[in-house]
Amino acid sequence: TVYLQMNRLKPEDTAVYYCNARITAGALKYFDYYWGQGTQVTV
C-alpha cells in the first residue's frame, strides 16, 4: 500500500488522483506500469 497525506489543501489541488506502480508480476522477468482507476479530490 502507498499513501498520500495532503495537508493545507488548496482549490488548485482539485483533480482526479491516480495511483501508479511499477510491478514485476508473477514469474516475469520485467516490470510493467499499473494504474488505478482514479479518485476524485475536490477542494
PDB file of all heavy atoms in Angstrom:
ATOM      1  N   THR A   1       0.825  -1.198   0.000  1.00  0.00           N
ATOM      2  CA  THR A   1       0.000   0.000   0.000  1.00  0.00           C
ATOM      3  C   THR A   1       0.863   1.253   0.000  1.00  0.00           C
ATOM      4  O   THR A   1       1.891   1.306   0.686  1.00  0.00           O
ATOM      5  CB  THR A   1      -0.932   0.016   1.216  1.00  0.00           C
ATOM      6  OG1 THR A   1      -1.803  -1.123   1.161  1.00  0.00           O
ATOM      7  CG2 THR A   1      -1.774   1.279   1.255  1.00  0.00           C
ATOM      8  N   VAL A   2       0.445   2.238  -0.772  1.00  0.00           N
ATOM      9  CA  VAL A   2       1.071   3.542  -0.773  1.00  0.00           C
ATOM     10  C   VAL A   2       0.043   4.563  -0.312  1.00  0.00           C
ATOM     11  O   VAL A   2      -1.145   4.453  -0.633  1.00  0.00           O
ATOM     12  CB  VAL A   2       1.644   3.907  -2.159  1.00  0.00           C
ATOM     13  CG1 VAL A   2       0.541   4.002  -3.206  1.00  0.00           C
ATOM     14  CG2 VAL A   2       2.443   5.202  -2.086  1.00  0.00           C
ATOM     15  N   TYR A   3       0.495   5.539   0.446  1.00  0.00           N
ATOM     16  CA  TYR A   3      -0.365   6.574   0.986  1.00  0.00           C
ATOM     17  C   TYR A   3       0.113   7.937   0.506  1.00  0.00           C
ATOM     18  O   TYR A   3       1.300   8.159   0.297  1.00  0.00           O
ATOM     19  CB  TYR A   3      -0.355   6.570   2.515  1.00  0.00           C
ATOM     20  CG  TYR A   3      -0.680   5.232   3.134  1.00  0.00           C
ATOM     21  CD1 TYR A   3       0.331   4.321   3.425  1.00  0.00           C
ATOM     22  CD2 TYR A   3      -1.991   4.884   3.435  1.00  0.00           C
ATOM     23  CE1 TYR A   3       0.040   3.097   3.993  1.00  0.00           C
ATOM     24  CE2 TYR A   3      -2.287   3.661   4.008  1.00  0.00           C
ATOM     25  CZ  TYR A   3      -1.269   2.774   4.285  1.00  0.00           C
ATOM     26  OH  TYR A   3      -1.557   1.554   4.854  1.00  0.00           O
ATOM     27  N   LEU A   4      -0.817   8.836   0.353  1.00  0.00           N
ATOM     28  CA  LEU A   4      -0.503  10.222   0.093  1.00  0.00           C
ATOM     29  C   LEU A   4      -1.277  11.079   1.086  1.00  0.00           C
ATOM     30  O   LEU A   4      -2.497  11.199   0.983  1.00  0.00           O
ATOM     31  CB  LEU A   4      -0.851  10.635  -1.339  1.00  0.00           C
ATOM     32  CG  LEU A   4      -0.507  12.081  -1.698  1.00  0.00           C
ATOM     33  CD1 LEU A   4       1.005  12.282  -1.729  1.00  0.00           C
ATOM     34  CD2 LEU A   4      -1.118  12.476  -3.044  1.00  0.00           C
ATOM     35  N   GLN A   5      -0.564  11.637   2.033  1.00  0.00           N
ATOM     36  CA  GLN A   5      -1.147  12.550   3.002  1.00  0.00           C
ATOM     37  C   GLN A   5      -0.978  13.967   2.469  1.00  0.00           C
ATOM     38  O   GLN A   5       0.144  14.400   2.202  1.00  0.00           O
ATOM     39  CB  GLN A   5      -0.471  12.406   4.362  1.00  0.00           C
ATOM     40  CG  GLN A   5      -0.938  13.401   5.414  1.00  0.00           C
ATOM     41  CD  GLN A   5      -2.351  13.137   5.876  1.00  0.00           C
ATOM     42  OE1 GLN A   5      -2.726  11.993   6.128  1.00  0.00           O
ATOM     43  NE2 GLN A   5      -3.141  14.191   5.997  1.00  0.00           N
ATOM     44  N   MET A   6      -2.073  14.675   2.314  1.00  0.00           N
ATOM     45  CA  MET A   6      -2.039  16.042   1.828  1.00  0.00           C
ATOM     46  C   MET A   6      -2.663  16.970   2.854  1.00  0.00           C
ATOM     47  O   MET A   6      -3.782  16.735   3.318  1.00  0.00           O
ATOM     48  CB  MET A   6      -2.759  16.181   0.487  1.00  0.00           C
ATOM     49  CG  MET A   6      -2.124  15.368  -0.632  1.00  0.00           C
ATOM     50  SD  MET A   6      -2.756  15.815  -2.274  1.00  0.00           S
ATOM     51  CE  MET A   6      -2.100  17.481  -2.437  1.00  0.00           C
ATOM     52  N   ASN A   7      -1.928  18.009   3.183  1.00  0.00           N
ATOM     53  CA  ASN A   7      -2.361  18.989   4.167  1.00  0.00           C
ATOM     54  C   ASN A   7      -2.461  20.366   3.527  1.00  0.00           C
ATOM     55  O   ASN A   7      -1.903  20.610   2.449  1.00  0.00           O
ATOM     56  CB  ASN A   7      -1.385  19.035   5.341  1.00  0.00           C
ATOM     57  CG  ASN A   7      -1.209  17.696   6.022  1.00  0.00           C
ATOM     58  OD1 ASN A   7      -2.180  16.978   6.259  1.00  0.00           O
ATOM     59  ND2 ASN A   7       0.029  17.352   6.362  1.00  0.00           N
ATOM     60  N   ARG A   8      -3.159  21.257   4.207  1.00  0.00           N
ATOM     61  CA  ARG A   8      -3.336  22.632   3.738  1.00  0.00           C
ATOM     62  C   ARG A   8      -3.762  22.646   2.274  1.00  0.00           C
ATOM     63  O   ARG A   8      -3.169  23.324   1.432  1.00  0.00           O
ATOM     64  CB  ARG A   8      -2.055  23.443   3.949  1.00  0.00           C
ATOM     65  CG  ARG A   8      -1.552  23.417   5.398  1.00  0.00           C
ATOM     66  CD  ARG A   8      -0.472  24.445   5.674  1.00  0.00           C
ATOM     67  NE  ARG A   8       0.628  24.398   4.731  1.00  0.00           N
ATOM     68  CZ  ARG A   8       1.647  23.568   4.796  1.00  0.00           C
ATOM     69  NH1 ARG A   8       1.720  22.678   5.777  1.00  0.00           N
ATOM     70  NH2 ARG A   8       2.609  23.620   3.888  1.00  0.00           N
ATOM     71  N   LEU A   9      -4.801  21.895   1.989  1.00  0.00           N
ATOM     72  CA  LEU A   9      -5.264  21.740   0.618  1.00  0.00           C
ATOM     73  C   LEU A   9      -5.766  23.054   0.046  1.00  0.00           C
ATOM     74  O   LEU A   9      -6.335  23.890   0.750  1.00  0.00           O
ATOM     75  CB  LEU A   9      -6.362  20.687   0.547  1.00  0.00           C
ATOM     76  CG  LEU A   9      -5.867  19.243   0.667  1.00  0.00           C
ATOM     77  CD1 LEU A   9      -7.008  18.308   1.033  1.00  0.00           C
ATOM     78  CD2 LEU A   9      -5.213  18.802  -0.640  1.00  0.00           C
ATOM     79  N   LYS A  10      -5.546  23.217  -1.251  1.00  0.00           N
ATOM     80  CA  LYS A  10      -5.941  24.409  -1.981  1.00  0.00           C
ATOM     81  C   LYS A  10      -6.914  24.028  -3.088  1.00  0.00           C
ATOM     82  O   LYS A  10      -6.899  22.894  -3.566  1.00  0.00           O
ATOM     83  CB  LYS A  10      -4.715  25.090  -2.600  1.00  0.00           C
ATOM     84  CG  LYS A  10      -3.613  25.424  -1.609  1.00  0.00           C
ATOM     85  CD  LYS A  10      -2.387  25.958  -2.335  1.00  0.00           C
ATOM     86  CE  LYS A  10      -1.261  26.282  -1.375  1.00  0.00           C
ATOM     87  NZ  LYS A  10      -0.056  26.784  -2.085  1.00  0.00           N
ATOM     88  N   PRO A  11      -7.760  24.958  -3.532  1.00  0.00           N
ATOM     89  CA  PRO A  11      -8.661  24.650  -4.643  1.00  0.00           C
ATOM     90  C   PRO A  11      -7.936  24.130  -5.878  1.00  0.00           C
ATOM     91  O   PRO A  11      -8.488  23.289  -6.601  1.00  0.00           O
ATOM     92  CB  PRO A  11      -9.351  25.990  -4.920  1.00  0.00           C
ATOM     93  CG  PRO A  11      -9.355  26.677  -3.598  1.00  0.00           C
ATOM     94  CD  PRO A  11      -8.043  26.292  -2.954  1.00  0.00           C
ATOM     95  N   GLU A  12      -6.720  24.599  -6.126  1.00  0.00           N
ATOM     96  CA  GLU A  12      -5.968  24.126  -7.278  1.00  0.00           C
ATOM     97  C   GLU A  12      -5.475  22.692  -7.137  1.00  0.00           C
ATOM     98  O   GLU A  12      -4.930  22.128  -8.092  1.00  0.00           O
ATOM     99  CB  GLU A  12      -4.775  25.059  -7.578  1.00  0.00           C
ATOM    100  CG  GLU A  12      -3.917  25.361  -6.367  1.00  0.00           C
ATOM    101  CD  GLU A  12      -4.259  26.687  -5.718  1.00  0.00           C
ATOM    102  OE1 GLU A  12      -5.468  26.967  -5.548  1.00  0.00           O
ATOM    103  OE2 GLU A  12      -3.335  27.451  -5.389  1.00  0.00           O
ATOM    104  N   ASP A  13      -5.651  22.092  -5.975  1.00  0.00           N
ATOM    105  CA  ASP A  13      -5.369  20.673  -5.809  1.00  0.00           C
ATOM    106  C   ASP A  13      -6.492  19.798  -6.350  1.00  0.00           C
ATOM    107  O   ASP A  13      -6.335  18.577  -6.418  1.00  0.00           O
ATOM    108  CB  ASP A  13      -5.131  20.332  -4.338  1.00  0.00           C
ATOM    109  CG  ASP A  13      -3.859  20.952  -3.782  1.00  0.00           C
ATOM    110  OD1 ASP A  13      -2.832  20.947  -4.499  1.00  0.00           O
ATOM    111  OD2 ASP A  13      -3.883  21.425  -2.631  1.00  0.00           O
ATOM    112  N   THR A  14      -7.612  20.398  -6.704  1.00  0.00           N
ATOM    113  CA  THR A  14      -8.738  19.647  -7.239  1.00  0.00           C
ATOM    114  C   THR A  14      -8.330  18.931  -8.520  1.00  0.00           C
ATOM    115  O   THR A  14      -7.843  19.549  -9.468  1.00  0.00           O
ATOM    116  CB  THR A  14      -9.927  20.572  -7.510  1.00  0.00           C
ATOM    117  OG1 THR A  14     -10.387  21.129  -6.275  1.00  0.00           O
ATOM    118  CG2 THR A  14     -11.066  19.812  -8.170  1.00  0.00           C
ATOM    119  N   ALA A  15      -8.523  17.627  -8.555  1.00  0.00           N
ATOM    120  CA  ALA A  15      -8.133  16.813  -9.695  1.00  0.00           C
ATOM    121  C   ALA A  15      -8.571  15.380  -9.449  1.00  0.00           C
ATOM    122  O   ALA A  15      -9.003  15.027  -8.351  1.00  0.00           O
ATOM    123  CB  ALA A  15      -6.616  16.861  -9.916  1.00  0.00           C
ATOM    124  N   VAL A  16      -8.450  14.571 -10.483  1.00  0.00           N
ATOM    125  CA  VAL A  16      -8.548  13.135 -10.318  1.00  0.00           C
ATOM    126  C   VAL A  16      -7.153  12.620 -10.013  1.00  0.00           C
ATOM    127  O   VAL A  16      -6.210  12.867 -10.771  1.00  0.00           O
ATOM    128  CB  VAL A  16      -9.118  12.437 -11.562  1.00  0.00           C
ATOM    129  CG1 VAL A  16      -9.146  10.926 -11.361  1.00  0.00           C
ATOM    130  CG2 VAL A  16     -10.517  12.958 -11.865  1.00  0.00           C
ATOM    131  N   TYR A  17      -7.020  11.927  -8.917  1.00  0.00           N
ATOM    132  CA  TYR A  17      -5.735  11.408  -8.486  1.00  0.00           C
ATOM    133  C   TYR A  17      -5.633   9.932  -8.840  1.00  0.00           C
ATOM    134  O   TYR A  17      -6.527   9.141  -8.536  1.00  0.00           O
ATOM    135  CB  TYR A  17      -5.549  11.610  -6.980  1.00  0.00           C
ATOM    136  CG  TYR A  17      -5.231  13.034  -6.611  1.00  0.00           C
ATOM    137  CD1 TYR A  17      -6.199  14.027  -6.716  1.00  0.00           C
ATOM    138  CD2 TYR A  17      -3.960  13.394  -6.173  1.00  0.00           C
ATOM    139  CE1 TYR A  17      -5.907  15.339  -6.400  1.00  0.00           C
ATOM    140  CE2 TYR A  17      -3.663  14.706  -5.851  1.00  0.00           C
ATOM    141  CZ  TYR A  17      -4.638  15.676  -5.969  1.00  0.00           C
ATOM    142  OH  TYR A  17      -4.338  16.979  -5.647  1.00  0.00           O
ATOM    143  N   TYR A  18      -4.529   9.579  -9.486  1.00  0.00           N
ATOM    144  CA  TYR A  18      -4.301   8.213  -9.944  1.00  0.00           C
ATOM    145  C   TYR A  18      -3.103   7.604  -9.239  1.00  0.00           C
ATOM    146  O   TYR A  18      -2.050   8.224  -9.136  1.00  0.00           O
ATOM    147  CB  TYR A  18      -4.035   8.183 -11.452  1.00  0.00           C
ATOM    148  CG  TYR A  18      -5.200   8.630 -12.302  1.00  0.00           C
ATOM    149  CD1 TYR A  18      -5.351   9.965 -12.652  1.00  0.00           C
ATOM    150  CD2 TYR A  18      -6.130   7.710 -12.762  1.00  0.00           C
ATOM    151  CE1 TYR A  18      -6.407  10.378 -13.436  1.00  0.00           C
ATOM    152  CE2 TYR A  18      -7.188   8.112 -13.551  1.00  0.00           C
ATOM    153  CZ  TYR A  18      -7.321   9.447 -13.887  1.00  0.00           C
ATOM    154  OH  TYR A  18      -8.370   9.847 -14.676  1.00  0.00           O
ATOM    155  N   CYS A  19      -3.280   6.398  -8.791  1.00  0.00           N
ATOM    156  CA  CYS A  19      -2.183   5.623  -8.239  1.00  0.00           C
ATOM    157  C   CYS A  19      -1.431   4.933  -9.369  1.00  0.00           C
ATOM    158  O   CYS A  19      -2.042   4.458 -10.337  1.00  0.00           O
ATOM    159  CB  CYS A  19      -2.727   4.587  -7.254  1.00  0.00           C
ATOM    160  SG  CYS A  19      -1.486   3.510  -6.518  1.00  0.00           S
ATOM    161  N   ASN A  20      -0.121   4.893  -9.260  1.00  0.00           N
ATOM    162  CA  ASN A  20       0.721   4.233 -10.245  1.00  0.00           C
ATOM    163  C   ASN A  20       1.732   3.357  -9.531  1.00  0.00           C
ATOM    164  O   ASN A  20       2.242   3.718  -8.469  1.00  0.00           O
ATOM    165  CB  ASN A  20       1.440   5.259 -11.119  1.00  0.00           C
ATOM    166  CG  ASN A  20       2.462   4.625 -12.045  1.00  0.00           C
ATOM    167  OD1 ASN A  20       3.654   4.592 -11.749  1.00  0.00           O
ATOM    168  ND2 ASN A  20       1.984   4.115 -13.174  1.00  0.00           N
ATOM    169  N   ALA A  21       2.024   2.208 -10.134  1.00  0.00           N
ATOM    170  CA  ALA A  21       3.023   1.317  -9.562  1.00  0.00           C
ATOM    171  C   ALA A  21       3.796   0.624 -10.660  1.00  0.00           C
ATOM    172  O   ALA A  21       3.242   0.290 -11.707  1.00  0.00           O
ATOM    173  CB  ALA A  21       2.375   0.283  -8.643  1.00  0.00           C
ATOM    174  N   ARG A  22       5.070   0.433 -10.418  1.00  0.00           N
ATOM    175  CA  ARG A  22       5.929  -0.371 -11.286  1.00  0.00           C
ATOM    176  C   ARG A  22       6.113  -1.723 -10.605  1.00  0.00           C
ATOM    177  O   ARG A  22       6.743  -1.808  -9.554  1.00  0.00           O
ATOM    178  CB  ARG A  22       7.269   0.306 -11.515  1.00  0.00           C
ATOM    179  CG  ARG A  22       7.153   1.700 -12.105  1.00  0.00           C
ATOM    180  CD  ARG A  22       8.493   2.400 -12.094  1.00  0.00           C
ATOM    181  NE  ARG A  22       8.321   3.844 -12.205  1.00  0.00           N
ATOM    182  CZ  ARG A  22       9.220   4.741 -11.846  1.00  0.00           C
ATOM    183  NH1 ARG A  22      10.386   4.342 -11.343  1.00  0.00           N
ATOM    184  NH2 ARG A  22       8.971   6.029 -11.974  1.00  0.00           N
ATOM    185  N   ILE A  23       5.574  -2.746 -11.233  1.00  0.00           N
ATOM    186  CA  ILE A  23       5.456  -4.043 -10.586  1.00  0.00           C
ATOM    187  C   ILE A  23       5.955  -5.142 -11.506  1.00  0.00           C
ATOM    188  O   ILE A  23       5.641  -5.160 -12.693  1.00  0.00           O
ATOM    189  CB  ILE A  23       3.996  -4.326 -10.181  1.00  0.00           C
ATOM    190  CG1 ILE A  23       3.533  -3.331  -9.113  1.00  0.00           C
ATOM    191  CG2 ILE A  23       3.832  -5.761  -9.681  1.00  0.00           C
ATOM    192  CD1 ILE A  23       2.071  -3.441  -8.766  1.00  0.00           C
ATOM    193  N   THR A  24       6.733  -6.050 -10.949  1.00  0.00           N
ATOM    194  CA  THR A  24       7.033  -7.313 -11.606  1.00  0.00           C
ATOM    195  C   THR A  24       6.022  -8.329 -11.108  1.00  0.00           C
ATOM    196  O   THR A  24       5.957  -8.613  -9.910  1.00  0.00           O
ATOM    197  CB  THR A  24       8.459  -7.783 -11.314  1.00  0.00           C
ATOM    198  OG1 THR A  24       9.393  -6.852 -11.856  1.00  0.00           O
ATOM    199  CG2 THR A  24       8.706  -9.150 -11.947  1.00  0.00           C
ATOM    200  N   ALA A  25       5.226  -8.857 -12.016  1.00  0.00           N
ATOM    201  CA  ALA A  25       4.134  -9.745 -11.670  1.00  0.00           C
ATOM    202  C   ALA A  25       4.515 -11.197 -11.871  1.00  0.00           C
ATOM    203  O   ALA A  25       5.215 -11.539 -12.832  1.00  0.00           O
ATOM    204  CB  ALA A  25       2.903  -9.418 -12.509  1.00  0.00           C
ATOM    205  N   GLY A  26       4.058 -12.037 -10.969  1.00  0.00           N
ATOM    206  CA  GLY A  26       4.247 -13.471 -11.099  1.00  0.00           C
ATOM    207  C   GLY A  26       5.699 -13.862 -11.246  1.00  0.00           C
ATOM    208  O   GLY A  26       6.557 -13.435 -10.469  1.00  0.00           O
ATOM    209  N   ALA A  27       5.972 -14.669 -12.263  1.00  0.00           N
ATOM    210  CA  ALA A  27       7.325 -15.151 -12.535  1.00  0.00           C
ATOM    211  C   ALA A  27       7.986 -14.406 -13.694  1.00  0.00           C
ATOM    212  O   ALA A  27       8.986 -14.877 -14.230  1.00  0.00           O
ATOM    213  CB  ALA A  27       7.294 -16.649 -12.835  1.00  0.00           C
ATOM    214  N   LEU A  28       7.467 -13.252 -14.066  1.00  0.00           N
ATOM    215  CA  LEU A  28       8.012 -12.490 -15.176  1.00  0.00           C
ATOM    216  C   LEU A  28       9.365 -11.894 -14.820  1.00  0.00           C
ATOM    217  O   LEU A  28       9.697 -11.689 -13.651  1.00  0.00           O
ATOM    218  CB  LEU A  28       7.040 -11.391 -15.591  1.00  0.00           C
ATOM    219  CG  LEU A  28       5.658 -11.858 -16.053  1.00  0.00           C
ATOM    220  CD1 LEU A  28       4.779 -10.656 -16.371  1.00  0.00           C
ATOM    221  CD2 LEU A  28       5.759 -12.776 -17.249  1.00  0.00           C
ATOM    222  N   LYS A  29      10.150 -11.585 -15.868  1.00  0.00           N
ATOM    223  CA  LYS A  29      11.478 -11.019 -15.680  1.00  0.00           C
ATOM    224  C   LYS A  29      11.488  -9.502 -15.760  1.00  0.00           C
ATOM    225  O   LYS A  29      12.494  -8.880 -15.424  1.00  0.00           O
ATOM    226  CB  LYS A  29      12.433 -11.587 -16.736  1.00  0.00           C
ATOM    227  CG  LYS A  29      12.594 -13.093 -16.703  1.00  0.00           C
ATOM    228  CD  LYS A  29      13.342 -13.543 -15.464  1.00  0.00           C
ATOM    229  CE  LYS A  29      13.633 -15.037 -15.527  1.00  0.00           C
ATOM    230  NZ  LYS A  29      14.361 -15.500 -14.319  1.00  0.00           N
ATOM    231  N   TYR A  30      10.417  -8.909 -16.207  1.00  0.00           N
ATOM    232  CA  TYR A  30      10.353  -7.481 -16.428  1.00  0.00           C
ATOM    233  C   TYR A  30       9.269  -6.866 -15.553  1.00  0.00           C
ATOM    234  O   TYR A  30       8.462  -7.570 -14.953  1.00  0.00           O
ATOM    235  CB  TYR A  30      10.066  -7.171 -17.902  1.00  0.00           C
ATOM    236  CG  TYR A  30       8.770  -7.763 -18.408  1.00  0.00           C
ATOM    237  CD1 TYR A  30       7.584  -7.048 -18.337  1.00  0.00           C
ATOM    238  CD2 TYR A  30       8.739  -9.044 -18.951  1.00  0.00           C
ATOM    239  CE1 TYR A  30       6.395  -7.592 -18.790  1.00  0.00           C
ATOM    240  CE2 TYR A  30       7.559  -9.600 -19.406  1.00  0.00           C
ATOM    241  CZ  TYR A  30       6.393  -8.868 -19.325  1.00  0.00           C
ATOM    242  OH  TYR A  30       5.208  -9.410 -19.780  1.00  0.00           O
ATOM    243  N   PHE A  31       9.275  -5.547 -15.489  1.00  0.00           N
ATOM    244  CA  PHE A  31       8.227  -4.841 -14.760  1.00  0.00           C
ATOM    245  C   PHE A  31       7.319  -4.088 -15.723  1.00  0.00           C
ATOM    246  O   PHE A  31       7.714  -3.719 -16.827  1.00  0.00           O
ATOM    247  CB  PHE A  31       8.816  -3.880 -13.711  1.00  0.00           C
ATOM    248  CG  PHE A  31       9.559  -2.700 -14.281  1.00  0.00           C
ATOM    249  CD1 PHE A  31       8.884  -1.567 -14.694  1.00  0.00           C
ATOM    250  CD2 PHE A  31      10.934  -2.715 -14.374  1.00  0.00           C
ATOM    251  CE1 PHE A  31       9.560  -0.473 -15.198  1.00  0.00           C
ATOM    252  CE2 PHE A  31      11.629  -1.627 -14.878  1.00  0.00           C
ATOM    253  CZ  PHE A  31      10.939  -0.507 -15.293  1.00  0.00           C
ATOM    254  N   ASP A  32       6.107  -3.879 -15.290  1.00  0.00           N
ATOM    255  CA  ASP A  32       5.124  -3.106 -16.030  1.00  0.00           C
ATOM    256  C   ASP A  32       4.578  -1.989 -15.151  1.00  0.00           C
ATOM    257  O   ASP A  32       4.718  -2.015 -13.921  1.00  0.00           O
ATOM    258  CB  ASP A  32       3.965  -3.984 -16.499  1.00  0.00           C
ATOM    259  CG  ASP A  32       4.317  -4.849 -17.695  1.00  0.00           C
ATOM    260  OD1 ASP A  32       5.141  -4.410 -18.523  1.00  0.00           O
ATOM    261  OD2 ASP A  32       3.762  -5.954 -17.807  1.00  0.00           O
ATOM    262  N   TYR A  33       3.984  -1.011 -15.806  1.00  0.00           N
ATOM    263  CA  TYR A  33       3.312   0.069 -15.104  1.00  0.00           C
ATOM    264  C   TYR A  33       1.837  -0.269 -14.946  1.00  0.00           C
ATOM    265  O   TYR A  33       1.183  -0.709 -15.892  1.00  0.00           O
ATOM    266  CB  TYR A  33       3.454   1.382 -15.857  1.00  0.00           C
ATOM    267  CG  TYR A  33       4.879   1.883 -15.950  1.00  0.00           C
ATOM    268  CD1 TYR A  33       5.697   1.535 -17.011  1.00  0.00           C
ATOM    269  CD2 TYR A  33       5.394   2.725 -14.968  1.00  0.00           C
ATOM    270  CE1 TYR A  33       6.999   1.998 -17.091  1.00  0.00           C
ATOM    271  CE2 TYR A  33       6.696   3.199 -15.052  1.00  0.00           C
ATOM    272  CZ  TYR A  33       7.498   2.834 -16.108  1.00  0.00           C
ATOM    273  OH  TYR A  33       8.786   3.303 -16.193  1.00  0.00           O
ATOM    274  N   TYR A  34       1.328  -0.063 -13.755  1.00  0.00           N
ATOM    275  CA  TYR A  34      -0.070  -0.308 -13.463  1.00  0.00           C
ATOM    276  C   TYR A  34      -0.696   0.958 -12.912  1.00  0.00           C
ATOM    277  O   TYR A  34      -0.047   1.737 -12.204  1.00  0.00           O
ATOM    278  CB  TYR A  34      -0.224  -1.454 -12.460  1.00  0.00           C
ATOM    279  CG  TYR A  34       0.252  -2.786 -12.991  1.00  0.00           C
ATOM    280  CD1 TYR A  34       1.585  -3.157 -12.888  1.00  0.00           C
ATOM    281  CD2 TYR A  34      -0.625  -3.671 -13.610  1.00  0.00           C
ATOM    282  CE1 TYR A  34       2.035  -4.368 -13.387  1.00  0.00           C
ATOM    283  CE2 TYR A  34      -0.189  -4.884 -14.104  1.00  0.00           C
ATOM    284  CZ  TYR A  34       1.139  -5.229 -13.995  1.00  0.00           C
ATOM    285  OH  TYR A  34       1.581  -6.434 -14.491  1.00  0.00           O
ATOM    286  N   TRP A  35      -1.956   1.145 -13.246  1.00  0.00           N
ATOM    287  CA  TRP A  35      -2.695   2.331 -12.845  1.00  0.00           C
ATOM    288  C   TRP A  35      -3.977   1.955 -12.125  1.00  0.00           C
ATOM    289  O   TRP A  35      -4.643   0.972 -12.468  1.00  0.00           O
ATOM    290  CB  TRP A  35      -3.061   3.186 -14.059  1.00  0.00           C
ATOM    291  CG  TRP A  35      -1.899   3.845 -14.722  1.00  0.00           C
ATOM    292  CD1 TRP A  35      -1.190   3.378 -15.781  1.00  0.00           C
ATOM    293  CD2 TRP A  35      -1.322   5.105 -14.369  1.00  0.00           C
ATOM    294  NE1 TRP A  35      -0.199   4.270 -16.116  1.00  0.00           N
ATOM    295  CE2 TRP A  35      -0.256   5.336 -15.270  1.00  0.00           C
ATOM    296  CE3 TRP A  35      -1.600   6.058 -13.390  1.00  0.00           C
ATOM    297  CZ2 TRP A  35       0.528   6.495 -15.214  1.00  0.00           C
ATOM    298  CZ3 TRP A  35      -0.823   7.202 -13.331  1.00  0.00           C
ATOM    299  CH2 TRP A  35       0.223   7.404 -14.239  1.00  0.00           C
ATOM    300  N   GLY A  36      -4.311   2.756 -11.132  1.00  0.00           N
ATOM    301  CA  GLY A  36      -5.627   2.669 -10.543  1.00  0.00           C
ATOM    302  C   GLY A  36      -6.644   3.393 -11.403  1.00  0.00           C
ATOM    303  O   GLY A  36      -6.316   4.030 -12.408  1.00  0.00           O
ATOM    304  N   GLN A  37      -7.902   3.303 -11.021  1.00  0.00           N
ATOM    305  CA  GLN A  37      -8.974   3.915 -11.790  1.00  0.00           C
ATOM    306  C   GLN A  37      -9.120   5.412 -11.534  1.00  0.00           C
ATOM    307  O   GLN A  37      -9.787   6.104 -12.295  1.00  0.00           O
ATOM    308  CB  GLN A  37     -10.300   3.213 -11.497  1.00  0.00           C
ATOM    309  CG  GLN A  37     -10.353   1.780 -11.999  1.00  0.00           C
ATOM    310  CD  GLN A  37     -10.190   1.692 -13.497  1.00  0.00           C
ATOM    311  OE1 GLN A  37     -10.929   2.346 -14.255  1.00  0.00           O
ATOM    312  NE2 GLN A  37      -9.218   0.910 -13.946  1.00  0.00           N
ATOM    313  N   GLY A  38      -8.500   5.899 -10.495  1.00  0.00           N
ATOM    314  CA  GLY A  38      -8.569   7.304 -10.162  1.00  0.00           C
ATOM    315  C   GLY A  38      -9.600   7.583  -9.090  1.00  0.00           C
ATOM    316  O   GLY A  38     -10.634   6.924  -9.012  1.00  0.00           O
ATOM    317  N   THR A  39      -9.308   8.565  -8.276  1.00  0.00           N
ATOM    318  CA  THR A  39     -10.237   9.000  -7.248  1.00  0.00           C
ATOM    319  C   THR A  39     -10.307  10.524  -7.264  1.00  0.00           C
ATOM    320  O   THR A  39      -9.284  11.203  -7.348  1.00  0.00           O
ATOM    321  CB  THR A  39      -9.823   8.467  -5.859  1.00  0.00           C
ATOM    322  OG1 THR A  39     -10.788   8.857  -4.877  1.00  0.00           O
ATOM    323  CG2 THR A  39      -8.454   8.967  -5.436  1.00  0.00           C
ATOM    324  N   GLN A  40     -11.516  11.040  -7.217  1.00  0.00           N
ATOM    325  CA  GLN A  40     -11.725  12.479  -7.330  1.00  0.00           C
ATOM    326  C   GLN A  40     -11.448  13.166  -6.006  1.00  0.00           C
ATOM    327  O   GLN A  40     -11.966  12.762  -4.961  1.00  0.00           O
ATOM    328  CB  GLN A  40     -13.158  12.777  -7.773  1.00  0.00           C
ATOM    329  CG  GLN A  40     -13.498  14.269  -7.841  1.00  0.00           C
ATOM    330  CD  GLN A  40     -12.813  14.968  -8.984  1.00  0.00           C
ATOM    331  OE1 GLN A  40     -12.804  14.478 -10.111  1.00  0.00           O
ATOM    332  NE2 GLN A  40     -12.215  16.127  -8.704  1.00  0.00           N
ATOM    333  N   VAL A  41     -10.637  14.207  -6.063  1.00  0.00           N
ATOM    334  CA  VAL A  41     -10.407  15.084  -4.924  1.00  0.00           C
ATOM    335  C   VAL A  41     -10.899  16.467  -5.307  1.00  0.00           C
ATOM    336  O   VAL A  41     -10.439  17.043  -6.297  1.00  0.00           O
ATOM    337  CB  VAL A  41      -8.923  15.141  -4.523  1.00  0.00           C
ATOM    338  CG1 VAL A  41      -8.699  16.206  -3.446  1.00  0.00           C
ATOM    339  CG2 VAL A  41      -8.455  13.778  -4.034  1.00  0.00           C
ATOM    340  N   THR A  42     -11.831  16.987  -4.545  1.00  0.00           N
ATOM    341  CA  THR A  42     -12.380  18.311  -4.788  1.00  0.00           C
ATOM    342  C   THR A  42     -12.171  19.167  -3.554  1.00  0.00           C
ATOM    343  O   THR A  42     -12.602  18.799  -2.457  1.00  0.00           O
ATOM    344  CB  THR A  42     -13.872  18.249  -5.131  1.00  0.00           C
ATOM    345  OG1 THR A  42     -14.074  17.423  -6.283  1.00  0.00           O
ATOM    346  CG2 THR A  42     -14.413  19.641  -5.414  1.00  0.00           C
ATOM    347  N   VAL A  43     -11.508  20.291  -3.737  1.00  0.00           N
ATOM    348  CA  VAL A  43     -11.219  21.206  -2.644  1.00  0.00           C
ATOM    349  C   VAL A  43     -12.049  22.466  -2.854  1.00  0.00           C
ATOM    350  O   VAL A  43     -11.880  23.169  -3.854  1.00  0.00           O
ATOM    351  CB  VAL A  43      -9.728  21.548  -2.565  1.00  0.00           C
ATOM    352  CG1 VAL A  43      -9.454  22.447  -1.360  1.00  0.00           C
ATOM    353  CG2 VAL A  43      -8.896  20.273  -2.475  1.00  0.00           C
TER     354      VAL A  43
END
